Amino acid sequence: FNGPSVTGPPPQKSNFTTISTPAMTPGTTRYVVLTFVFDGV
């Protein structure tokens, strides 16, 4: 998962550039959690 650009309106910020899951073999389950917050700007 690629993080958002830090340029362009509206300003966007993230705590990651990418999130990669470990390699997955058949039958494997992985999870990614994303939290979104808007502070008015």
PDB file of all heavy atoms in Angstrom:
ATOM      1  N   PHE A   1       0.871  -1.175   0.000  1.00  0.00           N
ATOM      2  CA  PHE A   1       0.000   0.000   0.000  1.00  0.00           C
ATOM      3  C   PHE A   1       0.907   1.224   0.000  1.00  0.00           C
ATOM      4  O   PHE A   1       1.772   1.350   0.860  1.00  0.00           O
ATOM      5  CB  PHE A   1      -0.892   0.012   1.248  1.00  0.00           C
ATOM      6  CG  PHE A   1      -1.906  -1.084   1.253  1.00  0.00           C
ATOM      7  CD1 PHE A   1      -1.553  -2.364   1.644  1.00  0.00           C
ATOM      8  CD2 PHE A   1      -3.204  -0.841   0.847  1.00  0.00           C
ATOM      9  CE1 PHE A   1      -2.490  -3.389   1.642  1.00  0.00           C
ATOM     10  CE2 PHE A   1      -4.143  -1.854   0.845  1.00  0.00           C
ATOM     11  CZ  PHE A   1      -3.783  -3.136   1.236  1.00  0.00           C
ATOM     12  N   ASN A   2       0.697   2.125  -0.949  1.00  0.00           N
ATOM     13  CA  ASN A   2       1.509   3.341  -1.023  1.00  0.00           C
ATOM     14  C   ASN A   2       0.868   4.447  -0.216  1.00  0.00           C
ATOM     15  O   ASN A   2      -0.347   4.646  -0.271  1.00  0.00           O
ATOM     16  CB  ASN A   2       1.673   3.782  -2.469  1.00  0.00           C
ATOM     17  CG  ASN A   2       2.537   2.823  -3.254  1.00  0.00           C
ATOM     18  OD1 ASN A   2       3.516   2.300  -2.749  1.00  0.00           O
ATOM     19  ND2 ASN A   2       2.176   2.580  -4.498  1.00  0.00           N
ATOM     20  N   GLY A   3       1.688   5.198   0.506  1.00  0.00           N
ATOM     21  CA  GLY A   3       1.212   6.342   1.267  1.00  0.00           C
ATOM     22  C   GLY A   3       0.885   7.497   0.344  1.00  0.00           C
ATOM     23  O   GLY A   3       1.358   7.555  -0.788  1.00  0.00           O
ATOM     24  N   PRO A   4       0.068   8.440   0.806  1.00  0.00           N
ATOM     25  CA  PRO A   4      -0.307   9.577  -0.031  1.00  0.00           C
ATOM     26  C   PRO A   4       0.846  10.553  -0.204  1.00  0.00           C
ATOM     27  O   PRO A   4       1.765  10.597   0.597  1.00  0.00           O
ATOM     28  CB  PRO A   4      -1.442  10.227   0.750  1.00  0.00           C
ATOM     29  CG  PRO A   4      -1.148   9.877   2.163  1.00  0.00           C
ATOM     30  CD  PRO A   4      -0.541   8.490   2.116  1.00  0.00           C
ATOM     31  N   SER A   5       0.766  11.323  -1.256  1.00  0.00           N
ATOM     32  CA  SER A   5       1.747  12.375  -1.494  1.00  0.00           C
ATOM     33  C   SER A   5       1.606  13.446  -0.425  1.00  0.00           C
ATOM     34  O   SER A   5       0.518  13.698   0.078  1.00  0.00           O
ATOM     35  CB  SER A   5       1.493  12.986  -2.867  1.00  0.00           C
ATOM     36  OG  SER A   5       2.255  14.151  -3.042  1.00  0.00           O
ATOM     37  N   VAL A   6       2.681  14.110  -0.089  1.00  0.00           N
ATOM     38  CA  VAL A   6       2.610  15.185   0.905  1.00  0.00           C
ATOM     39  C   VAL A   6       2.470  16.541   0.228  1.00  0.00           C
ATOM     40  O   VAL A   6       2.558  17.569   0.860  1.00  0.00           O
ATOM     41  CB  VAL A   6       3.842  15.193   1.840  1.00  0.00           C
ATOM     42  CG1 VAL A   6       3.859  13.947   2.691  1.00  0.00           C
ATOM     43  CG2 VAL A   6       5.125  15.334   1.058  1.00  0.00           C
ATOM     44  N   THR A   7       2.247  16.557  -1.097  1.00  0.00           N
ATOM     45  CA  THR A   7       2.066  17.807  -1.814  1.00  0.00           C
ATOM     46  C   THR A   7       0.688  17.857  -2.447  1.00  0.00           C
ATOM     47  O   THR A   7       0.045  16.836  -2.635  1.00  0.00           O
ATOM     48  CB  THR A   7       3.115  17.972  -2.926  1.00  0.00           C
ATOM     49  OG1 THR A   7       2.972  16.888  -3.850  1.00  0.00           O
ATOM     50  CG2 THR A   7       4.514  17.976  -2.361  1.00  0.00           C
ATOM     51  N   GLY A   8       0.252  19.039  -2.799  1.00  0.00           N
ATOM     52  CA  GLY A   8      -1.031  19.211  -3.474  1.00  0.00           C
ATOM     53  C   GLY A   8      -2.160  19.401  -2.493  1.00  0.00           C
ATOM     54  O   GLY A   8      -2.134  18.893  -1.384  1.00  0.00           O
ATOM     55  N   PRO A   9      -3.159  20.199  -2.902  1.00  0.00           N
ATOM     56  CA  PRO A   9      -4.281  20.470  -1.991  1.00  0.00           C
ATOM     57  C   PRO A   9      -5.225  19.289  -1.928  1.00  0.00           C
ATOM     58  O   PRO A   9      -5.380  18.592  -2.928  1.00  0.00           O
ATOM     59  CB  PRO A   9      -4.951  21.676  -2.629  1.00  0.00           C
ATOM     60  CG  PRO A   9      -4.567  21.623  -4.071  1.00  0.00           C
ATOM     61  CD  PRO A   9      -3.255  20.914  -4.149  1.00  0.00           C
ATOM     62  N   PRO A  10      -5.915  19.024  -0.837  1.00  0.00           N
ATOM     63  CA  PRO A  10      -5.559  19.586   0.463  1.00  0.00           C
ATOM     64  C   PRO A  10      -4.289  18.913   0.970  1.00  0.00           C
ATOM     65  O   PRO A  10      -3.976  17.824   0.533  1.00  0.00           O
ATOM     66  CB  PRO A  10      -6.761  19.229   1.343  1.00  0.00           C
ATOM     67  CG  PRO A  10      -7.282  17.962   0.751  1.00  0.00           C
ATOM     68  CD  PRO A  10      -7.045  18.088  -0.738  1.00  0.00           C
ATOM     69  N   PRO A  11      -3.561  19.552   1.863  1.00  0.00           N
ATOM     70  CA  PRO A  11      -2.346  18.898   2.373  1.00  0.00           C
ATOM     71  C   PRO A  11      -2.673  17.522   2.953  1.00  0.00           C
ATOM     72  O   PRO A  11      -3.676  17.346   3.625  1.00  0.00           O
ATOM     73  CB  PRO A  11      -1.868  19.856   3.467  1.00  0.00           C
ATOM     74  CG  PRO A  11      -2.446  21.175   3.077  1.00  0.00           C
ATOM     75  CD  PRO A  11      -3.774  20.862   2.446  1.00  0.00           C
ATOM     76  N   GLN A  12      -1.844  16.568   2.635  1.00  0.00           N
ATOM     77  CA  GLN A  12      -2.031  15.202   3.124  1.00  0.00           C
ATOM     78  C   GLN A  12      -0.747  14.757   3.807  1.00  0.00           C
ATOM     79  O   GLN A  12       0.338  15.068   3.346  1.00  0.00           O
ATOM     80  CB  GLN A  12      -2.335  14.257   1.966  1.00  0.00           C
ATOM     81  CG  GLN A  12      -3.569  14.622   1.189  1.00  0.00           C
ATOM     82  CD  GLN A  12      -3.735  13.728  -0.018  1.00  0.00           C
ATOM     83  OE1 GLN A  12      -2.967  12.801  -0.240  1.00  0.00           O
ATOM     84  NE2 GLN A  12      -4.749  13.998  -0.807  1.00  0.00           N
ATOM     85  N   LYS A  13      -0.888  14.024   4.877  1.00  0.00           N
ATOM     86  CA  LYS A  13       0.279  13.526   5.595  1.00  0.00           C
ATOM     87  C   LYS A  13       0.033  12.080   6.000  1.00  0.00           C
ATOM     88  O   LYS A  13      -1.098  11.688   6.253  1.00  0.00           O
ATOM     89  CB  LYS A  13       0.560  14.373   6.833  1.00  0.00           C
ATOM     90  CG  LYS A  13       0.866  15.828   6.484  1.00  0.00           C
ATOM     91  CD  LYS A  13       1.152  16.642   7.716  1.00  0.00           C
ATOM     92  CE  LYS A  13       1.423  18.084   7.324  1.00  0.00           C
ATOM     93  NZ  LYS A  13       1.751  18.926   8.467  1.00  0.00           N
ATOM     94  N   SER A  14       1.086  11.304   6.061  1.00  0.00           N
ATOM     95  CA  SER A  14       0.951   9.922   6.508  1.00  0.00           C
ATOM     96  C   SER A  14       2.175   9.543   7.325  1.00  0.00           C
ATOM     97  O   SER A  14       3.211  10.179   7.244  1.00  0.00           O
ATOM     98  CB  SER A  14       0.794   8.964   5.326  1.00  0.00           C
ATOM     99  OG  SER A  14       1.996   8.859   4.608  1.00  0.00           O
ATOM    100  N   ASN A  15       2.035   8.470   8.100  1.00  0.00           N
ATOM    101  CA  ASN A  15       3.166   7.993   8.895  1.00  0.00           C
ATOM    102  C   ASN A  15       3.894   6.871   8.177  1.00  0.00           C
ATOM    103  O   ASN A  15       4.698   6.181   8.773  1.00  0.00           O
ATOM    104  CB  ASN A  15       2.711   7.526  10.286  1.00  0.00           C
ATOM    105  CG  ASN A  15       1.958   6.213  10.253  1.00  0.00           C
ATOM    106  OD1 ASN A  15       1.407   5.813   9.227  1.00  0.00           O
ATOM    107  ND2 ASN A  15       1.928   5.512  11.370  1.00  0.00           N
ATOM    108  N   PHE A  16       3.607   6.671   6.878  1.00  0.00           N
ATOM    109  CA  PHE A  16       4.270   5.610   6.134  1.00  0.00           C
ATOM    110  C   PHE A  16       4.429   6.014   4.672  1.00  0.00           C
ATOM    111  O   PHE A  16       3.672   6.813   4.154  1.00  0.00           O
ATOM    112  CB  PHE A  16       3.474   4.301   6.213  1.00  0.00           C
ATOM    113  CG  PHE A  16       2.096   4.394   5.595  1.00  0.00           C
ATOM    114  CD1 PHE A  16       1.887   4.039   4.279  1.00  0.00           C
ATOM    115  CD2 PHE A  16       1.009   4.842   6.338  1.00  0.00           C
ATOM    116  CE1 PHE A  16       0.623   4.135   3.709  1.00  0.00           C
ATOM    117  CE2 PHE A  16      -0.259   4.926   5.785  1.00  0.00           C
ATOM    118  CZ  PHE A  16      -0.449   4.576   4.460  1.00  0.00           C
ATOM    119  N   THR A  17       5.448   5.480   4.034  1.00  0.00           N
ATOM    120  CA  THR A  17       5.614   5.626   2.588  1.00  0.00           C
ATOM    121  C   THR A  17       4.947   4.455   1.907  1.00  0.00           C
ATOM    122  O   THR A  17       4.194   4.613   0.961  1.00  0.00           O
ATOM    123  CB  THR A  17       7.108   5.678   2.212  1.00  0.00           C
ATOM    124  OG1 THR A  17       7.717   6.748   2.925  1.00  0.00           O
ATOM    125  CG2 THR A  17       7.285   5.893   0.734  1.00  0.00           C
ATOM    126  N   THR A  18       5.219   3.260   2.400  1.00  0.00           N
ATOM    127  CA  THR A  18       4.536   2.052   1.933  1.00  0.00           C
ATOM    128  C   THR A  18       4.290   1.135   3.124  1.00  0.00           C
ATOM    129  O   THR A  18       4.985   1.202   4.137  1.00  0.00           O
ATOM    130  CB  THR A  18       5.348   1.260   0.884  1.00  0.00           C
ATOM    131  OG1 THR A  18       6.565   0.834   1.467  1.00  0.00           O
ATOM    132  CG2 THR A  18       5.629   2.091  -0.356  1.00  0.00           C
ATOM    133  N   ILE A  19       3.283   0.297   2.993  1.00  0.00           N
ATOM    134  CA  ILE A  19       3.032  -0.769   3.962  1.00  0.00           C
ATOM    135  C   ILE A  19       3.091  -2.056   3.160  1.00  0.00           C
ATOM    136  O   ILE A  19       2.335  -2.223   2.202  1.00  0.00           O
ATOM    137  CB  ILE A  19       1.643  -0.663   4.610  1.00  0.00           C
ATOM    138  CG1 ILE A  19       1.488   0.654   5.359  1.00  0.00           C
ATOM    139  CG2 ILE A  19       1.398  -1.843   5.554  1.00  0.00           C
ATOM    140  CD1 ILE A  19       0.075   0.898   5.852  1.00  0.00           C
ATOM    141  N   SER A  20       3.990  -2.938   3.511  1.00  0.00           N
ATOM    142  CA  SER A  20       4.108  -4.215   2.827  1.00  0.00           C
ATOM    143  C   SER A  20       3.745  -5.336   3.782  1.00  0.00           C
ATOM    144  O   SER A  20       4.145  -5.312   4.940  1.00  0.00           O
ATOM    145  CB  SER A  20       5.529  -4.439   2.315  1.00  0.00           C
ATOM    146  OG  SER A  20       5.874  -3.463   1.372  1.00  0.00           O
ATOM    147  N   THR A  21       3.001  -6.305   3.289  1.00  0.00           N
ATOM    148  CA  THR A  21       2.730  -7.483   4.107  1.00  0.00           C
ATOM    149  C   THR A  21       3.837  -8.496   3.861  1.00  0.00           C
ATOM    150  O   THR A  21       4.457  -8.490   2.800  1.00  0.00           O
ATOM    151  CB  THR A  21       1.377  -8.129   3.735  1.00  0.00           C
ATOM    152  OG1 THR A  21       1.448  -8.628   2.403  1.00  0.00           O
ATOM    153  CG2 THR A  21       0.246  -7.134   3.863  1.00  0.00           C
ATOM    154  N   PRO A  22       4.101  -9.356   4.821  1.00  0.00           N
ATOM    155  CA  PRO A  22       5.063 -10.430   4.578  1.00  0.00           C
ATOM    156  C   PRO A  22       4.561 -11.330   3.446  1.00  0.00           C
ATOM    157  O   PRO A  22       3.381 -11.320   3.107  1.00  0.00           O
ATOM    158  CB  PRO A  22       5.091 -11.188   5.906  1.00  0.00           C
ATOM    159  CG  PRO A  22       4.603 -10.212   6.928  1.00  0.00           C
ATOM    160  CD  PRO A  22       3.605  -9.367   6.205  1.00  0.00           C
ATOM    161  N   ALA A  23       5.463 -12.103   2.884  1.00  0.00           N
ATOM    162  CA  ALA A  23       5.089 -13.023   1.803  1.00  0.00           C
ATOM    163  C   ALA A  23       3.949 -13.933   2.247  1.00  0.00           C
ATOM    164  O   ALA A  23       3.866 -14.311   3.412  1.00  0.00           O
ATOM    165  CB  ALA A  23       6.293 -13.854   1.384  1.00  0.00           C
ATOM    166  N   MET A  24       3.068 -14.225   1.312  1.00  0.00           N
ATOM    167  CA  MET A  24       1.890 -15.040   1.612  1.00  0.00           C
ATOM    168  C   MET A  24       1.951 -16.337   0.825  1.00  0.00           C
ATOM    169  O   MET A  24       2.091 -16.327  -0.388  1.00  0.00           O
ATOM    170  CB  MET A  24       0.617 -14.280   1.254  1.00  0.00           C
ATOM    171  CG  MET A  24       0.443 -12.994   2.041  1.00  0.00           C
ATOM    172  SD  MET A  24      -0.971 -12.016   1.491  1.00  0.00           S
ATOM    173  CE  MET A  24      -2.334 -13.088   1.955  1.00  0.00           C
ATOM    174  N   THR A  25       1.852 -17.447   1.525  1.00  0.00           N
ATOM    175  CA  THR A  25       1.755 -18.745   0.872  1.00  0.00           C
ATOM    176  C   THR A  25       0.288 -19.136   0.815  1.00  0.00           C
ATOM    177  O   THR A  25      -0.553 -18.487   1.447  1.00  0.00           O
ATOM    178  CB  THR A  25       2.580 -19.788   1.647  1.00  0.00           C
ATOM    179  OG1 THR A  25       2.129 -19.809   2.991  1.00  0.00           O
ATOM    180  CG2 THR A  25       4.063 -19.460   1.614  1.00  0.00           C
ATOM    181  N   PRO A  26      -0.083 -20.175   0.070  1.00  0.00           N
ATOM    182  CA  PRO A  26      -1.493 -20.554  -0.044  1.00  0.00           C
ATOM    183  C   PRO A  26      -2.169 -20.717   1.314  1.00  0.00           C
ATOM    184  O   PRO A  26      -1.622 -21.332   2.228  1.00  0.00           O
ATOM    185  CB  PRO A  26      -1.438 -21.882  -0.795  1.00  0.00           C
ATOM    186  CG  PRO A  26      -0.200 -21.773  -1.617  1.00  0.00           C
ATOM    187  CD  PRO A  26       0.771 -21.019  -0.760  1.00  0.00           C
ATOM    188  N   GLY A  27      -3.343 -20.114   1.455  1.00  0.00           N
ATOM    189  CA  GLY A  27      -4.116 -20.204   2.677  1.00  0.00           C
ATOM    190  C   GLY A  27      -3.728 -19.197   3.756  1.00  0.00           C
ATOM    191  O   GLY A  27      -4.310 -19.179   4.830  1.00  0.00           O
ATOM    192  N   THR A  28      -2.747 -18.343   3.494  1.00  0.00           N
ATOM    193  CA  THR A  28      -2.283 -17.355   4.466  1.00  0.00           C
ATOM    194  C   THR A  28      -3.225 -16.160   4.518  1.00  0.00           C
ATOM    195  O   THR A  28      -3.762 -15.740   3.503  1.00  0.00           O
ATOM    196  CB  THR A  28      -0.869 -16.850   4.098  1.00  0.00           C
ATOM    197  OG1 THR A  28       0.013 -17.967   4.044  1.00  0.00           O
ATOM    198  CG2 THR A  28      -0.351 -15.850   5.106  1.00  0.00           C
ATOM    199  N   THR A  29      -3.409 -15.604   5.710  1.00  0.00           N
ATOM    200  CA  THR A  29      -4.203 -14.385   5.890  1.00  0.00           C
ATOM    201  C   THR A  29      -3.322 -13.308   6.502  1.00  0.00           C
ATOM    202  O   THR A  29      -2.575 -13.573   7.438  1.00  0.00           O
ATOM    203  CB  THR A  29      -5.411 -14.640   6.810  1.00  0.00           C
ATOM    204  OG1 THR A  29      -6.228 -15.653   6.235  1.00  0.00           O
ATOM    205  CG2 THR A  29      -6.235 -13.380   7.007  1.00  0.00           C
ATOM    206  N   ARG A  30      -3.407 -12.096   5.958  1.00  0.00           N
ATOM    207  CA  ARG A  30      -2.699 -10.938   6.496  1.00  0.00           C
ATOM    208  C   ARG A  30      -3.710  -9.814   6.653  1.00  0.00           C
ATOM    209  O   ARG A  30      -4.755  -9.797   6.011  1.00  0.00           O
ATOM    210  CB  ARG A  30      -1.581 -10.470   5.545  1.00  0.00           C
ATOM    211  CG  ARG A  30      -0.533 -11.514   5.264  1.00  0.00           C
ATOM    212  CD  ARG A  30       0.480 -11.581   6.381  1.00  0.00           C
ATOM    213  NE  ARG A  30       1.608 -12.414   6.006  1.00  0.00           N
ATOM    214  CZ  ARG A  30       1.941 -13.527   6.612  1.00  0.00           C
ATOM    215  NH1 ARG A  30       1.226 -13.963   7.611  1.00  0.00           N
ATOM    216  NH2 ARG A  30       2.984 -14.218   6.224  1.00  0.00           N
ATOM    217  N   TYR A  31      -3.384  -8.835   7.496  1.00  0.00           N
ATOM    218  CA  TYR A  31      -4.269  -7.692   7.716  1.00  0.00           C
ATOM    219  C   TYR A  31      -3.479  -6.398   7.618  1.00  0.00           C
ATOM    220  O   TYR A  31      -2.310  -6.341   7.999  1.00  0.00           O
ATOM    221  CB  TYR A  31      -4.907  -7.759   9.110  1.00  0.00           C
ATOM    222  CG  TYR A  31      -5.750  -8.979   9.325  1.00  0.00           C
ATOM    223  CD1 TYR A  31      -5.201 -10.134   9.870  1.00  0.00           C
ATOM    224  CD2 TYR A  31      -7.098  -8.982   8.984  1.00  0.00           C
ATOM    225  CE1 TYR A  31      -5.976 -11.270  10.071  1.00  0.00           C
ATOM    226  CE2 TYR A  31      -7.882 -10.111   9.185  1.00  0.00           C
ATOM    227  CZ  TYR A  31      -7.313 -11.252   9.718  1.00  0.00           C
ATOM    228  OH  TYR A  31      -8.079 -12.370   9.912  1.00  0.00           O
ATOM    229  N   VAL A  32      -4.133  -5.361   7.109  1.00  0.00           N
ATOM    230  CA  VAL A  32      -3.576  -4.014   7.088  1.00  0.00           C
ATOM    231  C   VAL A  32      -4.604  -3.121   7.766  1.00  0.00           C
ATOM    232  O   VAL A  32      -5.800  -3.197   7.472  1.00  0.00           O
ATOM    233  CB  VAL A  32      -3.309  -3.531   5.654  1.00  0.00           C
ATOM    234  CG1 VAL A  32      -2.933  -2.054   5.636  1.00  0.00           C
ATOM    235  CG2 VAL A  32      -2.203  -4.358   5.011  1.00  0.00           C
ATOM    236  N   VAL A  33      -4.165  -2.292   8.704  1.00  0.00           N
ATOM    237  CA  VAL A  33      -5.066  -1.357   9.381  1.00  0.00           C
ATOM    238  C   VAL A  33      -4.688   0.059   8.957  1.00  0.00           C
ATOM    239  O   VAL A  33      -3.519   0.424   8.941  1.00  0.00           O
ATOM    240  CB  VAL A  33      -5.032  -1.523  10.922  1.00  0.00           C
ATOM    241  CG1 VAL A  33      -3.654  -1.245  11.483  1.00  0.00           C
ATOM    242  CG2 VAL A  33      -6.066  -0.635  11.574  1.00  0.00           C
ATOM    243  N   LEU A  34      -5.692   0.838   8.543  1.00  0.00           N
ATOM    244  CA  LEU A  34      -5.504   2.229   8.156  1.00  0.00           C
ATOM    245  C   LEU A  34      -6.418   3.092   9.019  1.00  0.00           C
ATOM    246  O   LEU A  34      -7.599   2.780   9.177  1.00  0.00           O
ATOM    247  CB  LEU A  34      -5.852   2.441   6.684  1.00  0.00           C
ATOM    248  CG  LEU A  34      -5.036   1.648   5.667  1.00  0.00           C
ATOM    249  CD1 LEU A  34      -5.608   1.847   4.270  1.00  0.00           C
ATOM    250  CD2 LEU A  34      -3.576   2.060   5.713  1.00  0.00           C
ATOM    251  N   THR A  35      -5.880   4.163   9.574  1.00  0.00           N
ATOM    252  CA  THR A  35      -6.664   5.104  10.368  1.00  0.00           C
ATOM    253  C   THR A  35      -6.607   6.466   9.694  1.00  0.00           C
ATOM    254  O   THR A  35      -5.525   6.953   9.365  1.00  0.00           O
ATOM    255  CB  THR A  35      -6.104   5.203  11.800  1.00  0.00           C
ATOM    256  OG1 THR A  35      -6.132   3.904  12.395  1.00  0.00           O
ATOM    257  CG2 THR A  35      -6.919   6.158  12.651  1.00  0.00           C
ATOM    258  N   PHE A  36      -7.787   7.064   9.460  1.00  0.00           N
ATOM    259  CA  PHE A  36      -7.900   8.351   8.777  1.00  0.00           C
ATOM    260  C   PHE A  36      -8.397   9.407   9.762  1.00  0.00           C
ATOM    261  O   PHE A  36      -9.374   9.180  10.464  1.00  0.00           O
ATOM    262  CB  PHE A  36      -8.911   8.252   7.624  1.00  0.00           C
ATOM    263  CG  PHE A  36      -8.590   7.177   6.632  1.00  0.00           C
ATOM    264  CD1 PHE A  36      -9.019   5.875   6.832  1.00  0.00           C
ATOM    265  CD2 PHE A  36      -7.860   7.472   5.496  1.00  0.00           C
ATOM    266  CE1 PHE A  36      -8.723   4.881   5.913  1.00  0.00           C
ATOM    267  CE2 PHE A  36      -7.563   6.487   4.574  1.00  0.00           C
ATOM    268  CZ  PHE A  36      -7.984   5.194   4.780  1.00  0.00           C
ATOM    269  N   VAL A  37      -7.731  10.550   9.786  1.00  0.00           N
ATOM    270  CA  VAL A  37      -8.128  11.663  10.653  1.00  0.00           C
ATOM    271  C   VAL A  37      -8.084  12.940   9.818  1.00  0.00           C
ATOM    272  O   VAL A  37      -7.147  13.153   9.044  1.00  0.00           O
ATOM    273  CB  VAL A  37      -7.174  11.797  11.864  1.00  0.00           C
ATOM    274  CG1 VAL A  37      -7.537  13.001  12.706  1.00  0.00           C
ATOM    275  CG2 VAL A  37      -7.173  10.531  12.706  1.00  0.00           C
ATOM    276  N   PHE A  38      -9.107  13.788   9.954  1.00  0.00           N
ATOM    277  CA  PHE A  38      -9.139  15.092   9.292  1.00  0.00           C
ATOM    278  C   PHE A  38      -9.202  16.157  10.366  1.00  0.00           C
ATOM    279  O   PHE A  38     -10.097  16.139  11.207  1.00  0.00           O
ATOM    280  CB  PHE A  38     -10.354  15.188   8.357  1.00  0.00           C
ATOM    281  CG  PHE A  38     -10.453  16.493   7.630  1.00  0.00           C
ATOM    282  CD1 PHE A  38      -9.483  16.866   6.710  1.00  0.00           C
ATOM    283  CD2 PHE A  38     -11.504  17.349   7.868  1.00  0.00           C
ATOM    284  CE1 PHE A  38      -9.574  18.066   6.033  1.00  0.00           C
ATOM    285  CE2 PHE A  38     -11.609  18.556   7.201  1.00  0.00           C
ATOM    286  CZ  PHE A  38     -10.641  18.917   6.273  1.00  0.00           C
ATOM    287  N   ASP A  39      -8.239  17.085  10.368  1.00  0.00           N
ATOM    288  CA  ASP A  39      -8.205  18.117  11.410  1.00  0.00           C
ATOM    289  C   ASP A  39      -8.818  19.437  10.959  1.00  0.00           C
ATOM    290  O   ASP A  39      -8.643  20.465  11.595  1.00  0.00           O
ATOM    291  CB  ASP A  39      -6.775  18.333  11.905  1.00  0.00           C
ATOM    292  CG  ASP A  39      -5.872  19.010  10.883  1.00  0.00           C
ATOM    293  OD1 ASP A  39      -6.319  19.294   9.749  1.00  0.00           O
ATOM    294  OD2 ASP A  39      -4.695  19.261  11.218  1.00  0.00           O
ATOM    295  N   GLY A  40      -9.536  19.418   9.848  1.00  0.00           N
ATOM    296  CA  GLY A  40     -10.140  20.631   9.310  1.00  0.00           C
ATOM    297  C   GLY A  40      -9.325  21.219   8.178  1.00  0.00           C
ATOM    298  O   GLY A  40      -9.836  21.993   7.380  1.00  0.00           O
ATOM    299  N   VAL A  41      -8.053  20.837   8.083  1.00  0.00           N
ATOM    300  CA  VAL A  41      -7.178  21.320   7.014  1.00  0.00           C
ATOM    301  C   VAL A  41      -6.447  20.156   6.356  1.00  0.00           C
ATOM    302  O   VAL A  41      -6.419  20.036   5.146  1.00  0.00           O
ATOM    303  CB  VAL A  41      -6.133  22.329   7.555  1.00  0.00           C
ATOM    304  CG1 VAL A  41      -5.183  22.771   6.447  1.00  0.00           C
ATOM    305  CG2 VAL A  41      -6.828  23.531   8.173  1.00  0.00           C
TER     306      VAL A  41
END
